[in-house]
C-alpha cells in the first residue's frame, strides 16, 4: 500500500482519496476507520447514573440477551447501544472475538490455545475471554500475528 500526503493551503478541508484495483476487505476496513470519528469516551449506565466511560478503561464489551455491557476494572456498565454499533464506532480500538464479545486490543496480554482448539485471550487484568474459531483469524490479523 502506498500512502501519499499533500499539504497545501489551497485545501479548505481534508480530503482522502483511495485508489485501488478492486474493492476488498482491506479497503472496506480502511473506509470504516476513516468514517469513524475519534472518540475518547462512551456513555455507560450504572443503575440510574450515566457515566462517560473512557475507551481506554474498557477491557471488553459483551452482549447478554438483549443487553450490552462495558466491562472495566471497577464496574460493569450497561450500554444503550447495540453491539454492532459499538463495533463500528470503536473499530480502531476493539476487535470482535465472538458473536457476543468485542475486546480492547490494547488490553490483550496473551492468547492461550487450549486443547481441542479452544482459544482464549488473557487481558492485563488477568481476566480471560473466549475466542470463537470464526473470529480467530481476524484477531491474529489485527495483532499482526501469523502469515497474511
C-alpha atoms as a PDB file:
ATOM      1  CA  UNK A   1       0.000   0.000   0.000  1.00  0.00           C
ATOM      2  CA  UNK A   2       1.317   3.441  -0.922  1.00  0.00           C
ATOM      3  CA  UNK A   3       0.451   6.477   1.149  1.00  0.00           C
ATOM      4  CA  UNK A   4       0.744   9.997  -0.249  1.00  0.00           C
ATOM      5  CA  UNK A   5       0.382  13.191   1.787  1.00  0.00           C
ATOM      6  CA  UNK A   6      -0.025  16.607   0.209  1.00  0.00           C
ATOM      7  CA  UNK A   7      -0.033  19.713   2.397  1.00  0.00           C
ATOM      8  CA  UNK A   8      -1.255  22.846   0.652  1.00  0.00           C
ATOM      9  CA  UNK A   9      -3.195  25.854   1.933  1.00  0.00           C
ATOM     10  CA  UNK A  10      -5.442  25.750  -1.150  1.00  0.00           C
ATOM     11  CA  UNK A  11      -7.405  22.906   0.517  1.00  0.00           C
ATOM     12  CA  UNK A  12     -10.241  24.196   2.675  1.00  0.00           C
ATOM     13  CA  UNK A  13     -10.849  20.801   4.284  1.00  0.00           C
ATOM     14  CA  UNK A  14      -9.083  17.456   4.468  1.00  0.00           C
ATOM     15  CA  UNK A  15      -9.697  15.123   1.518  1.00  0.00           C
ATOM     16  CA  UNK A  16      -8.927  11.432   1.378  1.00  0.00           C
ATOM     17  CA  UNK A  17      -8.689   9.611  -1.958  1.00  0.00           C
ATOM     18  CA  UNK A  18      -8.411   5.829  -2.144  1.00  0.00           C
ATOM     19  CA  UNK A  19      -7.223   4.352  -5.432  1.00  0.00           C
ATOM     20  CA  UNK A  20      -7.330   0.568  -5.784  1.00  0.00           C
ATOM     21  CA  UNK A  21      -7.612  -2.102  -8.457  1.00  0.00           C
ATOM     22  CA  UNK A  22     -10.517  -3.752  -6.609  1.00  0.00           C
ATOM     23  CA  UNK A  23     -12.830  -3.315  -3.650  1.00  0.00           C
ATOM     24  CA  UNK A  24     -11.780  -5.768  -0.947  1.00  0.00           C
ATOM     25  CA  UNK A  25     -11.882  -6.344   2.794  1.00  0.00           C
ATOM     26  CA  UNK A  26      -8.815  -4.172   3.429  1.00  0.00           C
ATOM     27  CA  UNK A  27     -10.384  -1.219   1.558  1.00  0.00           C
ATOM     28  CA  UNK A  28     -13.649  -1.688   3.447  1.00  0.00           C
ATOM     29  CA  UNK A  29     -11.833  -1.664   6.807  1.00  0.00           C
ATOM     30  CA  UNK A  30      -9.862   1.422   5.820  1.00  0.00           C
ATOM     31  CA  UNK A  31     -13.035   3.252   4.826  1.00  0.00           C
ATOM     32  CA  UNK A  32     -14.748   2.329   8.110  1.00  0.00           C
ATOM     33  CA  UNK A  33     -11.768   3.584  10.101  1.00  0.00           C
ATOM     34  CA  UNK A  34     -11.773   6.878   8.212  1.00  0.00           C
ATOM     35  CA  UNK A  35     -15.509   7.350   8.704  1.00  0.00           C
ATOM     36  CA  UNK A  36     -15.437   6.784  12.440  1.00  0.00           C
ATOM     37  CA  UNK A  37     -14.781   9.932  14.412  1.00  0.00           C
ATOM     38  CA  UNK A  38     -12.178   9.648  17.124  1.00  0.00           C
ATOM     39  CA  UNK A  39     -13.908   9.218  20.484  1.00  0.00           C
ATOM     40  CA  UNK A  40     -12.399   9.366  23.955  1.00  0.00           C
ATOM     41  CA  UNK A  41     -15.371   8.111  25.959  1.00  0.00           C
ATOM     42  CA  UNK A  42     -18.707   6.390  25.563  1.00  0.00           C
ATOM     43  CA  UNK A  43     -21.857   6.578  27.644  1.00  0.00           C
ATOM     44  CA  UNK A  44     -22.368   3.801  30.164  1.00  0.00           C
ATOM     45  CA  UNK A  45     -25.190   3.347  32.652  1.00  0.00           C
ATOM     46  CA  UNK A  46     -24.776   2.197  36.233  1.00  0.00           C
ATOM     47  CA  UNK A  47     -28.160   1.946  37.943  1.00  0.00           C
ATOM     48  CA  UNK A  48     -29.728   5.390  37.335  1.00  0.00           C
ATOM     49  CA  UNK A  49     -26.457   7.232  36.651  1.00  0.00           C
ATOM     50  CA  UNK A  50     -24.939   7.963  33.262  1.00  0.00           C
ATOM     51  CA  UNK A  51     -21.147   7.772  33.182  1.00  0.00           C
ATOM     52  CA  UNK A  52     -18.697   8.768  30.473  1.00  0.00           C
ATOM     53  CA  UNK A  53     -16.510   5.669  30.340  1.00  0.00           C
ATOM     54  CA  UNK A  54     -13.080   6.244  28.848  1.00  0.00           C
ATOM     55  CA  UNK A  55     -12.499   3.872  25.945  1.00  0.00           C
ATOM     56  CA  UNK A  56      -9.005   3.034  27.203  1.00  0.00           C
ATOM     57  CA  UNK A  57     -10.566   1.837  30.503  1.00  0.00           C
ATOM     58  CA  UNK A  58     -12.855  -0.717  28.818  1.00  0.00           C
ATOM     59  CA  UNK A  59     -11.435  -4.250  28.762  1.00  0.00           C
ATOM     60  CA  UNK A  60     -14.222  -5.822  26.734  1.00  0.00           C
ATOM     61  CA  UNK A  61     -17.795  -5.311  25.626  1.00  0.00           C
ATOM     62  CA  UNK A  62     -20.263  -8.166  25.653  1.00  0.00           C
ATOM     63  CA  UNK A  63     -23.901  -8.832  24.876  1.00  0.00           C
ATOM     64  CA  UNK A  64     -26.021 -10.966  27.146  1.00  0.00           C
ATOM     65  CA  UNK A  65     -29.549 -11.477  25.919  1.00  0.00           C
ATOM     66  CA  UNK A  66     -30.759  -8.097  24.695  1.00  0.00           C
ATOM     67  CA  UNK A  67     -28.400  -6.076  26.909  1.00  0.00           C
ATOM     68  CA  UNK A  68     -24.862  -4.877  26.154  1.00  0.00           C
ATOM     69  CA  UNK A  69     -22.264  -4.292  28.876  1.00  0.00           C
ATOM     70  CA  UNK A  70     -18.965  -2.398  29.057  1.00  0.00           C
ATOM     71  CA  UNK A  71     -16.545  -4.211  31.371  1.00  0.00           C
ATOM     72  CA  UNK A  72     -13.938  -2.088  33.184  1.00  0.00           C
ATOM     73  CA  UNK A  73     -11.677  -2.818  36.158  1.00  0.00           C
ATOM     74  CA  UNK A  74     -14.134  -1.165  38.560  1.00  0.00           C
ATOM     75  CA  UNK A  75     -17.604  -1.690  37.099  1.00  0.00           C
ATOM     76  CA  UNK A  76     -19.803  -3.324  34.514  1.00  0.00           C
ATOM     77  CA  UNK A  77     -21.709  -0.534  32.792  1.00  0.00           C
ATOM     78  CA  UNK A  78     -24.785  -1.132  30.686  1.00  0.00           C
ATOM     79  CA  UNK A  79     -24.837   0.395  27.216  1.00  0.00           C
ATOM     80  CA  UNK A  80     -27.948   1.529  25.380  1.00  0.00           C
ATOM     81  CA  UNK A  81     -26.224   0.838  22.038  1.00  0.00           C
ATOM     82  CA  UNK A  82     -26.241  -2.393  20.059  1.00  0.00           C
ATOM     83  CA  UNK A  83     -23.056  -4.463  19.870  1.00  0.00           C
ATOM     84  CA  UNK A  84     -22.729  -3.948  16.113  1.00  0.00           C
ATOM     85  CA  UNK A  85     -22.977  -0.155  16.615  1.00  0.00           C
ATOM     86  CA  UNK A  86     -20.164  -0.239  19.175  1.00  0.00           C
ATOM     87  CA  UNK A  87     -18.116  -2.441  16.849  1.00  0.00           C
ATOM     88  CA  UNK A  88     -18.382   0.213  14.133  1.00  0.00           C
ATOM     89  CA  UNK A  89     -17.765   3.167  16.461  1.00  0.00           C
ATOM     90  CA  UNK A  90     -14.806   1.523  18.199  1.00  0.00           C
ATOM     91  CA  UNK A  91     -13.354  -0.345  15.190  1.00  0.00           C
ATOM     92  CA  UNK A  92      -9.916   1.153  15.696  1.00  0.00           C
ATOM     93  CA  UNK A  93      -9.544   0.023  19.323  1.00  0.00           C
ATOM     94  CA  UNK A  94     -11.641  -3.148  19.552  1.00  0.00           C
ATOM     95  CA  UNK A  95     -11.805  -6.477  17.736  1.00  0.00           C
ATOM     96  CA  UNK A  96     -14.667  -8.974  17.680  1.00  0.00           C
ATOM     97  CA  UNK A  97     -13.662 -12.311  19.224  1.00  0.00           C
ATOM     98  CA  UNK A  98     -17.072 -13.993  19.298  1.00  0.00           C
ATOM     99  CA  UNK A  99     -20.648 -13.374  18.243  1.00  0.00           C
ATOM    100  CA  UNK A 100     -21.286 -11.568  21.522  1.00  0.00           C
ATOM    101  CA  UNK A 101     -17.917 -10.036  22.522  1.00  0.00           C
ATOM    102  CA  UNK A 102     -15.552  -7.236  21.495  1.00  0.00           C
ATOM    103  CA  UNK A 103     -12.125  -6.943  23.146  1.00  0.00           C
ATOM    104  CA  UNK A 104      -9.922  -3.869  23.585  1.00  0.00           C
ATOM    105  CA  UNK A 105      -6.787  -4.651  21.581  1.00  0.00           C
ATOM    106  CA  UNK A 106      -4.575  -2.640  23.947  1.00  0.00           C
ATOM    107  CA  UNK A 107      -5.665  -4.773  26.930  1.00  0.00           C
ATOM    108  CA  UNK A 108      -4.645  -8.135  25.423  1.00  0.00           C
ATOM    109  CA  UNK A 109      -1.538  -9.632  27.021  1.00  0.00           C
ATOM    110  CA  UNK A 110      -1.626 -13.162  25.555  1.00  0.00           C
ATOM    111  CA  UNK A 111      -3.587 -15.721  23.595  1.00  0.00           C
ATOM    112  CA  UNK A 112      -3.962 -19.194  25.063  1.00  0.00           C
ATOM    113  CA  UNK A 113      -4.530 -22.017  22.616  1.00  0.00           C
ATOM    114  CA  UNK A 114      -6.197 -24.772  24.596  1.00  0.00           C
ATOM    115  CA  UNK A 115      -6.857 -28.394  23.904  1.00  0.00           C
ATOM    116  CA  UNK A 116      -9.444 -29.313  21.316  1.00  0.00           C
ATOM    117  CA  UNK A 117      -8.988 -25.987  19.535  1.00  0.00           C
ATOM    118  CA  UNK A 118     -10.393 -23.735  22.247  1.00  0.00           C
ATOM    119  CA  UNK A 119      -8.792 -20.290  22.402  1.00  0.00           C
ATOM    120  CA  UNK A 120      -8.887 -17.533  24.995  1.00  0.00           C
ATOM    121  CA  UNK A 121      -7.381 -14.072  25.184  1.00  0.00           C
ATOM    122  CA  UNK A 122      -5.890 -13.054  28.506  1.00  0.00           C
ATOM    123  CA  UNK A 123      -6.266  -9.391  29.373  1.00  0.00           C
ATOM    124  CA  UNK A 124      -3.955  -7.313  31.533  1.00  0.00           C
ATOM    125  CA  UNK A 125      -6.372  -7.507  34.493  1.00  0.00           C
ATOM    126  CA  UNK A 126      -5.920 -11.320  34.258  1.00  0.00           C
ATOM    127  CA  UNK A 127      -9.489 -11.882  33.062  1.00  0.00           C
ATOM    128  CA  UNK A 128      -9.984 -14.170  30.084  1.00  0.00           C
ATOM    129  CA  UNK A 129     -12.383 -14.053  27.149  1.00  0.00           C
ATOM    130  CA  UNK A 130     -13.285 -16.963  24.867  1.00  0.00           C
ATOM    131  CA  UNK A 131     -12.358 -16.567  21.183  1.00  0.00           C
ATOM    132  CA  UNK A 132     -14.555 -18.305  18.606  1.00  0.00           C
ATOM    133  CA  UNK A 133     -12.759 -20.101  15.797  1.00  0.00           C
ATOM    134  CA  UNK A 134     -14.649 -17.944  13.308  1.00  0.00           C
ATOM    135  CA  UNK A 135     -13.004 -14.760  14.644  1.00  0.00           C
ATOM    136  CA  UNK A 136      -9.503 -16.104  15.420  1.00  0.00           C
ATOM    137  CA  UNK A 137      -8.055 -15.205  12.015  1.00  0.00           C
ATOM    138  CA  UNK A 138      -9.240 -11.582  12.284  1.00  0.00           C
ATOM    139  CA  UNK A 139      -7.863 -11.340  15.833  1.00  0.00           C
ATOM    140  CA  UNK A 140      -4.443 -12.586  14.717  1.00  0.00           C
ATOM    141  CA  UNK A 141      -4.505 -10.213  11.767  1.00  0.00           C
ATOM    142  CA  UNK A 142      -5.297  -7.193  13.953  1.00  0.00           C
ATOM    143  CA  UNK A 143      -2.484  -8.163  16.343  1.00  0.00           C
ATOM    144  CA  UNK A 144      -0.032  -8.732  13.478  1.00  0.00           C
ATOM    145  CA  UNK A 145       0.393 -12.416  14.327  1.00  0.00           C
ATOM    146  CA  UNK A 146       0.966 -15.149  11.757  1.00  0.00           C
ATOM    147  CA  UNK A 147       1.005 -15.070   7.982  1.00  0.00           C
ATOM    148  CA  UNK A 148      -1.198 -12.966   5.749  1.00  0.00           C
END
